[in-house]
């Protein structure tokens, strides 16, 4: 499966995940959280959806595609994978966080 990802670190990332969950009725698409280090929160979005778009400071983009290779930590669906965990599990192979909604909420929280 290919996807792009957006990472927001620390409390800002957790606050962003809270808002995205609230706005989507608890089903925002796949979201991964790190428990250590920068405590990043990774929002998995459709391939190609982070390129050629302006994102605020504090956002790290990871792009998919033949010309880009990015490492995005993804936990196993079951079992222990500390320090990674699914904040929101993937529900279908083609289900991602909606990039326009994510960018809108990011702009409200991080600007």
PDB file of N, CA and C in Angstrom:
ATOM      1  N   UNK A   1       0.844  -1.178   0.000  1.00  0.00           N
ATOM      2  CA  UNK A   1       0.000   0.000   0.000  1.00  0.00           C
ATOM      3  C   UNK A   1       0.887   1.237   0.000  1.00  0.00           C
ATOM      4  N   UNK A   2       0.564   2.198  -0.808  1.00  0.00           N
ATOM      5  CA  UNK A   2       1.278   3.463  -0.811  1.00  0.00           C
ATOM      6  C   UNK A   2       0.404   4.543  -0.201  1.00  0.00           C
ATOM      7  N   UNK A   3       1.074   5.464   0.456  1.00  0.00           N
ATOM      8  CA  UNK A   3       0.378   6.591   1.065  1.00  0.00           C
ATOM      9  C   UNK A   3       1.389   7.692   1.305  1.00  0.00           C
ATOM     10  N   UNK A   4       0.907   8.875   1.523  1.00  0.00           N
ATOM     11  CA  UNK A   4       1.720   9.968   2.032  1.00  0.00           C
ATOM     12  C   UNK A   4       1.414  10.045   3.521  1.00  0.00           C
ATOM     13  N   UNK A   5       2.226  10.780   4.243  1.00  0.00           N
ATOM     14  CA  UNK A   5       1.971  10.960   5.673  1.00  0.00           C
ATOM     15  C   UNK A   5       2.326  12.386   6.070  1.00  0.00           C
ATOM     16  N   UNK A   6       1.658  12.839   7.095  1.00  0.00           N
ATOM     17  CA  UNK A   6       1.927  14.140   7.696  1.00  0.00           C
ATOM     18  C   UNK A   6       2.210  13.875   9.164  1.00  0.00           C
ATOM     19  N   UNK A   7       3.348  14.408   9.659  1.00  0.00           N
ATOM     20  CA  UNK A   7       3.692  14.226  11.067  1.00  0.00           C
ATOM     21  C   UNK A   7       3.651  15.576  11.777  1.00  0.00           C
ATOM     22  N   UNK A   8       3.015  15.559  12.950  1.00  0.00           N
ATOM     23  CA  UNK A   8       3.032  16.720  13.842  1.00  0.00           C
ATOM     24  C   UNK A   8       3.486  16.194  15.194  1.00  0.00           C
ATOM     25  N   UNK A   9       4.505  16.808  15.763  1.00  0.00           N
ATOM     26  CA  UNK A   9       5.127  16.301  16.982  1.00  0.00           C
ATOM     27  C   UNK A   9       4.466  16.811  18.258  1.00  0.00           C
ATOM     28  N   UNK A  10       4.616  16.011  19.312  1.00  0.00           N
ATOM     29  CA  UNK A  10       4.256  16.407  20.667  1.00  0.00           C
ATOM     30  C   UNK A  10       2.780  16.647  20.903  1.00  0.00           C
ATOM     31  N   UNK A  11       2.519  17.557  21.833  1.00  0.00           N
ATOM     32  CA  UNK A  11       1.137  17.849  22.221  1.00  0.00           C
ATOM     33  C   UNK A  11       0.315  18.418  21.069  1.00  0.00           C
ATOM     34  N   UNK A  12       0.960  19.159  20.175  1.00  0.00           N
ATOM     35  CA  UNK A  12       0.227  19.687  19.020  1.00  0.00           C
ATOM     36  C   UNK A  12      -0.321  18.550  18.167  1.00  0.00           C
ATOM     37  N   UNK A  13       0.476  17.513  17.976  1.00  0.00           N
ATOM     38  CA  UNK A  13       0.025  16.354  17.204  1.00  0.00           C
ATOM     39  C   UNK A  13      -1.122  15.627  17.872  1.00  0.00           C
ATOM     40  N   UNK A  14      -1.058  15.497  19.182  1.00  0.00           N
ATOM     41  CA  UNK A  14      -2.140  14.831  19.909  1.00  0.00           C
ATOM     42  C   UNK A  14      -3.423  15.664  19.894  1.00  0.00           C
ATOM     43  N   UNK A  15      -3.271  16.978  20.017  1.00  0.00           N
ATOM     44  CA  UNK A  15      -4.431  17.864  19.938  1.00  0.00           C
ATOM     45  C   UNK A  15      -5.062  17.805  18.546  1.00  0.00           C
ATOM     46  N   UNK A  16      -4.218  17.780  17.526  1.00  0.00           N
ATOM     47  CA  UNK A  16      -4.699  17.665  16.155  1.00  0.00           C
ATOM     48  C   UNK A  16      -5.472  16.362  15.968  1.00  0.00           C
ATOM     49  N   UNK A  17      -4.932  15.262  16.477  1.00  0.00           N
ATOM     50  CA  UNK A  17      -5.618  13.965  16.379  1.00  0.00           C
ATOM     51  C   UNK A  17      -6.963  14.006  17.108  1.00  0.00           C
ATOM     52  N   UNK A  18      -7.007  14.639  18.276  1.00  0.00           N
ATOM     53  CA  UNK A  18      -8.276  14.774  18.997  1.00  0.00           C
ATOM     54  C   UNK A  18      -9.316  15.488  18.142  1.00  0.00           C
ATOM     55  N   UNK A  19      -8.920  16.597  17.523  1.00  0.00           N
ATOM     56  CA  UNK A  19      -9.855  17.373  16.700  1.00  0.00           C
ATOM     57  C   UNK A  19     -10.316  16.596  15.474  1.00  0.00           C
ATOM     58  N   UNK A  20      -9.378  15.927  14.811  1.00  0.00           N
ATOM     59  CA  UNK A  20      -9.736  15.155  13.616  1.00  0.00           C
ATOM     60  C   UNK A  20     -10.715  14.035  13.987  1.00  0.00           C
ATOM     61  N   UNK A  21     -10.460  13.374  15.106  1.00  0.00           N
ATOM     62  CA  UNK A  21     -11.389  12.329  15.562  1.00  0.00           C
ATOM     63  C   UNK A  21     -12.768  12.906  15.844  1.00  0.00           C
ATOM     64  N   UNK A  22     -12.805  14.026  16.519  1.00  0.00           N
ATOM     65  CA  UNK A  22     -14.076  14.666  16.856  1.00  0.00           C
ATOM     66  C   UNK A  22     -14.844  15.050  15.593  1.00  0.00           C
ATOM     67  N   UNK A  23     -14.163  15.654  14.649  1.00  0.00           N
ATOM     68  CA  UNK A  23     -14.818  16.122  13.426  1.00  0.00           C
ATOM     69  C   UNK A  23     -15.292  15.002  12.514  1.00  0.00           C
ATOM     70  N   UNK A  24     -14.726  13.819  12.665  1.00  0.00           N
ATOM     71  CA  UNK A  24     -15.102  12.690  11.802  1.00  0.00           C
ATOM     72  C   UNK A  24     -15.943  11.646  12.532  1.00  0.00           C
ATOM     73  N   UNK A  25     -16.421  11.969  13.706  1.00  0.00           N
ATOM     74  CA  UNK A  25     -17.231  11.009  14.447  1.00  0.00           C
ATOM     75  C   UNK A  25     -16.448   9.796  14.901  1.00  0.00           C
ATOM     76  N   UNK A  26     -15.153   9.975  15.129  1.00  0.00           N
ATOM     77  CA  UNK A  26     -14.315   8.882  15.623  1.00  0.00           C
ATOM     78  C   UNK A  26     -13.699   8.002  14.556  1.00  0.00           C
ATOM     79  N   UNK A  27     -13.887   8.340  13.273  1.00  0.00           N
ATOM     80  CA  UNK A  27     -13.315   7.535  12.188  1.00  0.00           C
ATOM     81  C   UNK A  27     -12.557   8.427  11.198  1.00  0.00           C
ATOM     82  N   UNK A  28     -11.395   8.957  11.630  1.00  0.00           N
ATOM     83  CA  UNK A  28     -10.674   9.884  10.757  1.00  0.00           C
ATOM     84  C   UNK A  28      -9.845   9.220   9.672  1.00  0.00           C
ATOM     85  N   UNK A  29      -9.612   7.925   9.779  1.00  0.00           N
ATOM     86  CA  UNK A  29      -8.649   7.241   8.927  1.00  0.00           C
ATOM     87  C   UNK A  29      -7.456   6.854   9.784  1.00  0.00           C
ATOM     88  N   UNK A  30      -6.432   6.238   9.195  1.00  0.00           N
ATOM     89  CA  UNK A  30      -5.315   5.724   9.984  1.00  0.00           C
ATOM     90  C   UNK A  30      -4.407   6.821  10.558  1.00  0.00           C
ATOM     91  N   UNK A  31      -4.178   6.717  11.873  1.00  0.00           N
ATOM     92  CA  UNK A  31      -3.318   7.655  12.585  1.00  0.00           C
ATOM     93  C   UNK A  31      -2.403   6.845  13.504  1.00  0.00           C
ATOM     94  N   UNK A  32      -1.104   7.099  13.420  1.00  0.00           N
ATOM     95  CA  UNK A  32      -0.091   6.392  14.206  1.00  0.00           C
ATOM     96  C   UNK A  32       0.508   7.356  15.224  1.00  0.00           C
ATOM     97  N   UNK A  33       0.750   6.872  16.445  1.00  0.00           N
ATOM     98  CA  UNK A  33       1.369   7.702  17.483  1.00  0.00           C
ATOM     99  C   UNK A  33       2.650   7.047  17.988  1.00  0.00           C
ATOM    100  N   UNK A  34       3.671   7.881  18.261  1.00  0.00           N
ATOM    101  CA  UNK A  34       4.922   7.442  18.878  1.00  0.00           C
ATOM    102  C   UNK A  34       4.884   7.801  20.359  1.00  0.00           C
ATOM    103  N   UNK A  35       5.339   6.885  21.192  1.00  0.00           N
ATOM    104  CA  UNK A  35       5.321   7.123  22.641  1.00  0.00           C
ATOM    105  C   UNK A  35       6.625   7.705  23.171  1.00  0.00           C
ATOM    106  N   UNK A  36       7.653   7.781  22.342  1.00  0.00           N
ATOM    107  CA  UNK A  36       8.931   8.312  22.828  1.00  0.00           C
ATOM    108  C   UNK A  36       9.514   9.282  21.809  1.00  0.00           C
ATOM    109  N   UNK A  37      10.722   9.759  22.067  1.00  0.00           N
ATOM    110  CA  UNK A  37      11.370  10.676  21.134  1.00  0.00           C
ATOM    111  C   UNK A  37      10.575  11.945  20.949  1.00  0.00           C
ATOM    112  N   UNK A  38      10.343  12.292  19.715  1.00  0.00           N
ATOM    113  CA  UNK A  38       9.596  13.525  19.423  1.00  0.00           C
ATOM    114  C   UNK A  38       8.097  13.353  19.635  1.00  0.00           C
ATOM    115  N   UNK A  39       7.669  12.128  19.975  1.00  0.00           N
ATOM    116  CA  UNK A  39       6.250  11.822  20.221  1.00  0.00           C
ATOM    117  C   UNK A  39       5.385  12.254  19.035  1.00  0.00           C
ATOM    118  N   UNK A  40       5.856  11.870  17.850  1.00  0.00           N
ATOM    119  CA  UNK A  40       5.167  12.249  16.619  1.00  0.00           C
ATOM    120  C   UNK A  40       3.833  11.554  16.459  1.00  0.00           C
ATOM    121  N   UNK A  41       2.924  12.243  15.794  1.00  0.00           N
ATOM    122  CA  UNK A  41       1.641  11.673  15.393  1.00  0.00           C
ATOM    123  C   UNK A  41       1.623  11.729  13.872  1.00  0.00           C
ATOM    124  N   UNK A  42       1.446  10.576  13.239  1.00  0.00           N
ATOM    125  CA  UNK A  42       1.477  10.445  11.790  1.00  0.00           C
ATOM    126  C   UNK A  42       0.063  10.235  11.261  1.00  0.00           C
ATOM    127  N   UNK A  43      -0.347  11.092  10.351  1.00  0.00           N
ATOM    128  CA  UNK A  43      -1.658  10.997   9.713  1.00  0.00           C
ATOM    129  C   UNK A  43      -1.419  10.459   8.312  1.00  0.00           C
ATOM    130  N   UNK A  44      -1.955   9.284   8.011  1.00  0.00           N
ATOM    131  CA  UNK A  44      -1.748   8.660   6.708  1.00  0.00           C
ATOM    132  C   UNK A  44      -2.806   9.178   5.743  1.00  0.00           C
ATOM    133  N   UNK A  45      -2.342   9.786   4.655  1.00  0.00           N
ATOM    134  CA  UNK A  45      -3.214  10.430   3.675  1.00  0.00           C
ATOM    135  C   UNK A  45      -2.984   9.796   2.307  1.00  0.00           C
ATOM    136  N   UNK A  46      -3.881  10.024   1.340  1.00  0.00           N
ATOM    137  CA  UNK A  46      -3.727   9.393   0.025  1.00  0.00           C
ATOM    138  C   UNK A  46      -2.400   9.757  -0.645  1.00  0.00           C
ATOM    139  N   UNK A  47      -1.861   8.841  -1.455  1.00  0.00           N
ATOM    140  CA  UNK A  47      -0.610   9.115  -2.163  1.00  0.00           C
ATOM    141  C   UNK A  47      -0.727  10.376  -3.025  1.00  0.00           C
ATOM    142  N   UNK A  48       0.298  11.211  -2.968  1.00  0.00           N
ATOM    143  CA  UNK A  48       0.327  12.421  -3.780  1.00  0.00           C
ATOM    144  C   UNK A  48      -0.396  13.614  -3.181  1.00  0.00           C
ATOM    145  N   UNK A  49      -1.056  13.437  -2.051  1.00  0.00           N
ATOM    146  CA  UNK A  49      -1.881  14.524  -1.508  1.00  0.00           C
ATOM    147  C   UNK A  49      -1.110  15.548  -0.689  1.00  0.00           C
ATOM    148  N   UNK A  50       0.171  15.308  -0.414  1.00  0.00           N
ATOM    149  CA  UNK A  50       0.945  16.300   0.341  1.00  0.00           C
ATOM    150  C   UNK A  50       1.884  17.105  -0.552  1.00  0.00           C
ATOM    151  N   UNK A  51       2.032  16.707  -1.798  1.00  0.00           N
ATOM    152  CA  UNK A  51       2.933  17.422  -2.696  1.00  0.00           C
ATOM    153  C   UNK A  51       2.243  18.655  -3.263  1.00  0.00           C
ATOM    154  N   UNK A  52       3.047  19.663  -3.557  1.00  0.00           N
ATOM    155  CA  UNK A  52       2.559  20.898  -4.176  1.00  0.00           C
ATOM    156  C   UNK A  52       1.476  21.586  -3.357  1.00  0.00           C
ATOM    157  N   UNK A  53       1.505  21.409  -2.048  1.00  0.00           N
ATOM    158  CA  UNK A  53       0.555  22.063  -1.150  1.00  0.00           C
ATOM    159  C   UNK A  53       1.351  22.784  -0.065  1.00  0.00           C
ATOM    160  N   UNK A  54       0.862  23.925   0.344  1.00  0.00           N
ATOM    161  CA  UNK A  54       1.504  24.665   1.433  1.00  0.00           C
ATOM    162  C   UNK A  54       1.002  24.119   2.766  1.00  0.00           C
ATOM    163  N   UNK A  55       1.937  23.765   3.636  1.00  0.00           N
ATOM    164  CA  UNK A  55       1.616  23.295   4.985  1.00  0.00           C
ATOM    165  C   UNK A  55       2.308  24.223   5.980  1.00  0.00           C
ATOM    166  N   UNK A  56       1.688  24.494   7.105  1.00  0.00           N
ATOM    167  CA  UNK A  56       2.296  25.388   8.101  1.00  0.00           C
ATOM    168  C   UNK A  56       3.563  24.799   8.716  1.00  0.00           C
ATOM    169  N   UNK A  57       4.350  25.689   9.347  1.00  0.00           N
ATOM    170  CA  UNK A  57       5.511  25.223  10.108  1.00  0.00           C
ATOM    171  C   UNK A  57       5.036  24.265  11.181  1.00  0.00           C
ATOM    172  N   UNK A  58       5.892  23.317  11.531  1.00  0.00           N
ATOM    173  CA  UNK A  58       5.535  22.325  12.531  1.00  0.00           C
ATOM    174  C   UNK A  58       5.004  21.037  11.926  1.00  0.00           C
ATOM    175  N   UNK A  59       4.834  21.033  10.602  1.00  0.00           N
ATOM    176  CA  UNK A  59       4.346  19.852   9.889  1.00  0.00           C
ATOM    177  C   UNK A  59       5.500  19.275   9.072  1.00  0.00           C
ATOM    178  N   UNK A  60       5.703  17.965   9.191  1.00  0.00           N
ATOM    179  CA  UNK A  60       6.675  17.263   8.346  1.00  0.00           C
ATOM    180  C   UNK A  60       5.896  16.385   7.386  1.00  0.00           C
ATOM    181  N   UNK A  61       6.195  16.517   6.086  1.00  0.00           N
ATOM    182  CA  UNK A  61       5.505  15.723   5.067  1.00  0.00           C
ATOM    183  C   UNK A  61       6.380  14.563   4.619  1.00  0.00           C
ATOM    184  N   UNK A  62       5.748  13.438   4.390  1.00  0.00           N
ATOM    185  CA  UNK A  62       6.411  12.257   3.845  1.00  0.00           C
ATOM    186  C   UNK A  62       5.654  11.884   2.583  1.00  0.00           C
ATOM    187  N   UNK A  63       6.350  11.899   1.439  1.00  0.00           N
ATOM    188  CA  UNK A  63       5.696  11.688   0.155  1.00  0.00           C
ATOM    189  C   UNK A  63       5.943  10.295  -0.390  1.00  0.00           C
ATOM    190  N   UNK A  64       4.917   9.723  -1.000  1.00  0.00           N
ATOM    191  CA  UNK A  64       5.012   8.437  -1.671  1.00  0.00           C
ATOM    192  C   UNK A  64       5.261   8.672  -3.159  1.00  0.00           C
ATOM    193  N   UNK A  65       5.549   7.617  -3.868  1.00  0.00           N
ATOM    194  CA  UNK A  65       5.682   7.715  -5.311  1.00  0.00           C
ATOM    195  C   UNK A  65       7.025   7.234  -5.785  1.00  0.00           C
ATOM    196  N   UNK A  66       7.162   7.071  -7.101  1.00  0.00           N
ATOM    197  CA  UNK A  66       8.393   6.517  -7.660  1.00  0.00           C
ATOM    198  C   UNK A  66       9.615   7.406  -7.467  1.00  0.00           C
ATOM    199  N   UNK A  67       9.434   8.725  -7.345  1.00  0.00           N
ATOM    200  CA  UNK A  67      10.582   9.618  -7.205  1.00  0.00           C
ATOM    201  C   UNK A  67      10.922   9.926  -5.751  1.00  0.00           C
ATOM    202  N   UNK A  68      10.115   9.456  -4.818  1.00  0.00           N
ATOM    203  CA  UNK A  68      10.340   9.738  -3.400  1.00  0.00           C
ATOM    204  C   UNK A  68      10.310   8.450  -2.590  1.00  0.00           C
ATOM    205  N   UNK A  69      11.216   8.363  -1.651  1.00  0.00           N
ATOM    206  CA  UNK A  69      11.195   7.256  -0.711  1.00  0.00           C
ATOM    207  C   UNK A  69      11.244   7.861   0.685  1.00  0.00           C
ATOM    208  N   UNK A  70      10.263   7.551   1.494  1.00  0.00           N
ATOM    209  CA  UNK A  70      10.209   8.065   2.858  1.00  0.00           C
ATOM    210  C   UNK A  70       9.976   6.911   3.809  1.00  0.00           C
ATOM    211  N   UNK A  71      10.563   7.021   4.983  1.00  0.00           N
ATOM    212  CA  UNK A  71      10.327   6.027   6.026  1.00  0.00           C
ATOM    213  C   UNK A  71       9.259   6.573   6.971  1.00  0.00           C
ATOM    214  N   UNK A  72       8.172   5.860   7.090  1.00  0.00           N
ATOM    215  CA  UNK A  72       7.108   6.210   8.023  1.00  0.00           C
ATOM    216  C   UNK A  72       6.905   4.994   8.926  1.00  0.00           C
ATOM    217  N   UNK A  73       7.063   5.159  10.229  1.00  0.00           N
ATOM    218  CA  UNK A  73       6.882   4.013  11.120  1.00  0.00           C
ATOM    219  C   UNK A  73       5.400   3.615  11.189  1.00  0.00           C
ATOM    220  N   UNK A  74       5.155   2.343  10.976  1.00  0.00           N
ATOM    221  CA  UNK A  74       3.787   1.830  11.018  1.00  0.00           C
ATOM    222  C   UNK A  74       3.770   0.611  11.939  1.00  0.00           C
ATOM    223  N   UNK A  75       2.943   0.633  12.980  1.00  0.00           N
ATOM    224  CA  UNK A  75       2.895  -0.509  13.894  1.00  0.00           C
ATOM    225  C   UNK A  75       2.147  -1.689  13.276  1.00  0.00           C
ATOM    226  N   UNK A  76       2.364  -2.849  13.852  1.00  0.00           N
ATOM    227  CA  UNK A  76       1.589  -4.020  13.451  1.00  0.00           C
ATOM    228  C   UNK A  76       0.133  -3.811  13.848  1.00  0.00           C
ATOM    229  N   UNK A  77      -0.766  -4.475  13.158  1.00  0.00           N
ATOM    230  CA  UNK A  77      -2.183  -4.337  13.499  1.00  0.00           C
ATOM    231  C   UNK A  77      -2.522  -4.996  14.826  1.00  0.00           C
ATOM    232  N   UNK A  78      -1.769  -6.033  15.171  1.00  0.00           N
ATOM    233  CA  UNK A  78      -1.974  -6.698  16.461  1.00  0.00           C
ATOM    234  C   UNK A  78      -0.617  -6.951  17.101  1.00  0.00           C
ATOM    235  N   UNK A  79      -0.621  -7.111  18.385  1.00  0.00           N
ATOM    236  CA  UNK A  79       0.618  -7.387  19.102  1.00  0.00           C
ATOM    237  C   UNK A  79       1.273  -6.114  19.592  1.00  0.00           C
ATOM    238  N   UNK A  80       2.392  -6.305  20.265  1.00  0.00           N
ATOM    239  CA  UNK A  80       3.107  -5.184  20.861  1.00  0.00           C
ATOM    240  C   UNK A  80       4.107  -4.606  19.878  1.00  0.00           C
ATOM    241  N   UNK A  81       4.035  -3.323  19.647  1.00  0.00           N
ATOM    242  CA  UNK A  81       4.965  -2.647  18.748  1.00  0.00           C
ATOM    243  C   UNK A  81       5.449  -1.332  19.371  1.00  0.00           C
ATOM    244  N   UNK A  82       5.556  -1.318  20.705  1.00  0.00           N
ATOM    245  CA  UNK A  82       6.019  -0.109  21.390  1.00  0.00           C
ATOM    246  C   UNK A  82       7.343   0.320  20.791  1.00  0.00           C
ATOM    247  N   UNK A  83       7.563   1.564  20.538  1.00  0.00           N
ATOM    248  CA  UNK A  83       6.849   2.755  20.990  1.00  0.00           C
ATOM    249  C   UNK A  83       5.756   3.232  20.044  1.00  0.00           C
ATOM    250  N   UNK A  84       5.402   2.406  19.052  1.00  0.00           N
ATOM    251  CA  UNK A  84       4.355   2.796  18.101  1.00  0.00           C
ATOM    252  C   UNK A  84       3.021   2.182  18.472  1.00  0.00           C
ATOM    253  N   UNK A  85       1.968   2.920  18.204  1.00  0.00           N
ATOM    254  CA  UNK A  85       0.618   2.377  18.384  1.00  0.00           C
ATOM    255  C   UNK A  85      -0.319   3.045  17.390  1.00  0.00           C
ATOM    256  N   UNK A  86      -1.417   2.366  17.134  1.00  0.00           N
ATOM    257  CA  UNK A  86      -2.447   2.942  16.287  1.00  0.00           C
ATOM    258  C   UNK A  86      -3.327   3.838  17.148  1.00  0.00           C
ATOM    259  N   UNK A  87      -3.307   5.110  16.881  1.00  0.00           N
ATOM    260  CA  UNK A  87      -4.244   6.037  17.519  1.00  0.00           C
ATOM    261  C   UNK A  87      -5.633   5.778  16.934  1.00  0.00           C
ATOM    262  N   UNK A  88      -5.687   5.581  15.613  1.00  0.00           N
ATOM    263  CA  UNK A  88      -6.908   5.206  14.900  1.00  0.00           C
ATOM    264  C   UNK A  88      -6.513   4.138  13.880  1.00  0.00           C
ATOM    265  N   UNK A  89      -7.113   2.980  14.009  1.00  0.00           N
ATOM    266  CA  UNK A  89      -6.789   1.856  13.119  1.00  0.00           C
ATOM    267  C   UNK A  89      -7.245   2.101  11.691  1.00  0.00           C
ATOM    268  N   UNK A  90      -6.521   1.547  10.728  1.00  0.00           N
ATOM    269  CA  UNK A  90      -7.026   1.588   9.353  1.00  0.00           C
ATOM    270  C   UNK A  90      -8.249   0.681   9.251  1.00  0.00           C
ATOM    271  N   UNK A  91      -9.249   1.122   8.516  1.00  0.00           N
ATOM    272  CA  UNK A  91     -10.485   0.337   8.404  1.00  0.00           C
ATOM    273  C   UNK A  91     -10.664  -0.292   7.036  1.00  0.00           C
ATOM    274  N   UNK A  92      -9.941   0.210   6.023  1.00  0.00           N
ATOM    275  CA  UNK A  92      -9.991  -0.356   4.669  1.00  0.00           C
ATOM    276  C   UNK A  92      -8.722   0.064   3.938  1.00  0.00           C
ATOM    277  N   UNK A  93      -8.344  -0.690   2.928  1.00  0.00           N
ATOM    278  CA  UNK A  93      -7.097  -0.421   2.205  1.00  0.00           C
ATOM    279  C   UNK A  93      -7.095   0.957   1.548  1.00  0.00           C
ATOM    280  N   UNK A  94      -8.257   1.469   1.167  1.00  0.00           N
ATOM    281  CA  UNK A  94      -8.317   2.762   0.489  1.00  0.00           C
ATOM    282  C   UNK A  94      -8.844   3.883   1.393  1.00  0.00           C
ATOM    283  N   UNK A  95      -8.861   3.647   2.695  1.00  0.00           N
ATOM    284  CA  UNK A  95      -9.370   4.643   3.659  1.00  0.00           C
ATOM    285  C   UNK A  95      -8.193   5.388   4.272  1.00  0.00           C
ATOM    286  N   UNK A  96      -8.159   6.717   4.075  1.00  0.00           N
ATOM    287  CA  UNK A  96      -7.096   7.556   4.594  1.00  0.00           C
ATOM    288  C   UNK A  96      -7.691   8.749   5.339  1.00  0.00           C
ATOM    289  N   UNK A  97      -6.839   9.483   6.038  1.00  0.00           N
ATOM    290  CA  UNK A  97      -7.246  10.757   6.623  1.00  0.00           C
ATOM    291  C   UNK A  97      -7.484  11.720   5.460  1.00  0.00           C
ATOM    292  N   UNK A  98      -8.566  12.481   5.534  1.00  0.00           N
ATOM    293  CA  UNK A  98      -8.899  13.415   4.455  1.00  0.00           C
ATOM    294  C   UNK A  98      -7.910  14.589   4.491  1.00  0.00           C
ATOM    295  N   UNK A  99      -7.107  14.768   3.426  1.00  0.00           N
ATOM    296  CA  UNK A  99      -6.044  15.772   3.469  1.00  0.00           C
ATOM    297  C   UNK A  99      -6.547  17.218   3.588  1.00  0.00           C
ATOM    298  N   UNK A 100      -7.669  17.544   2.965  1.00  0.00           N
ATOM    299  CA  UNK A 100      -8.187  18.914   3.051  1.00  0.00           C
ATOM    300  C   UNK A 100      -8.654  19.228   4.474  1.00  0.00           C
ATOM    301  N   UNK A 101      -9.345  18.289   5.087  1.00  0.00           N
ATOM    302  CA  UNK A 101      -9.771  18.466   6.478  1.00  0.00           C
ATOM    303  C   UNK A 101      -8.543  18.596   7.383  1.00  0.00           C
ATOM    304  N   UNK A 102      -7.551  17.734   7.175  1.00  0.00           N
ATOM    305  CA  UNK A 102      -6.340  17.773   7.987  1.00  0.00           C
ATOM    306  C   UNK A 102      -5.629  19.118   7.847  1.00  0.00           C
ATOM    307  N   UNK A 103      -5.439  19.597   6.610  1.00  0.00           N
ATOM    308  CA  UNK A 103      -4.781  20.893   6.410  1.00  0.00           C
ATOM    309  C   UNK A 103      -5.551  22.030   7.048  1.00  0.00           C
ATOM    310  N   UNK A 104      -6.868  21.986   6.970  1.00  0.00           N
ATOM    311  CA  UNK A 104      -7.689  23.041   7.583  1.00  0.00           C
ATOM    312  C   UNK A 104      -7.517  23.069   9.088  1.00  0.00           C
ATOM    313  N   UNK A 105      -7.549  21.904   9.725  1.00  0.00           N
ATOM    314  CA  UNK A 105      -7.407  21.845  11.181  1.00  0.00           C
ATOM    315  C   UNK A 105      -5.986  22.206  11.593  1.00  0.00           C
ATOM    316  N   UNK A 106      -4.992  21.768  10.817  1.00  0.00           N
ATOM    317  CA  UNK A 106      -3.602  22.121  11.105  1.00  0.00           C
ATOM    318  C   UNK A 106      -3.439  23.634  11.098  1.00  0.00           C
ATOM    319  N   UNK A 107      -4.003  24.288  10.109  1.00  0.00           N
ATOM    320  CA  UNK A 107      -3.877  25.756  10.013  1.00  0.00           C
ATOM    321  C   UNK A 107      -4.521  26.451  11.221  1.00  0.00           C
ATOM    322  N   UNK A 108      -5.613  25.913  11.717  1.00  0.00           N
ATOM    323  CA  UNK A 108      -6.258  26.511  12.885  1.00  0.00           C
ATOM    324  C   UNK A 108      -5.443  26.311  14.154  1.00  0.00           C
ATOM    325  N   UNK A 109      -4.852  25.120  14.313  1.00  0.00           N
ATOM    326  CA  UNK A 109      -4.150  24.793  15.549  1.00  0.00           C
ATOM    327  C   UNK A 109      -2.701  25.252  15.605  1.00  0.00           C
ATOM    328  N   UNK A 110      -2.015  25.285  14.457  1.00  0.00           N
ATOM    329  CA  UNK A 110      -0.576  25.548  14.475  1.00  0.00           C
ATOM    330  C   UNK A 110      -0.196  26.953  14.052  1.00  0.00           C
ATOM    331  N   UNK A 111      -1.117  27.738  13.589  1.00  0.00           N
ATOM    332  CA  UNK A 111      -0.755  29.088  13.122  1.00  0.00           C
ATOM    333  C   UNK A 111      -0.913  30.089  14.231  1.00  0.00           C
TER     334      UNK A 111
END
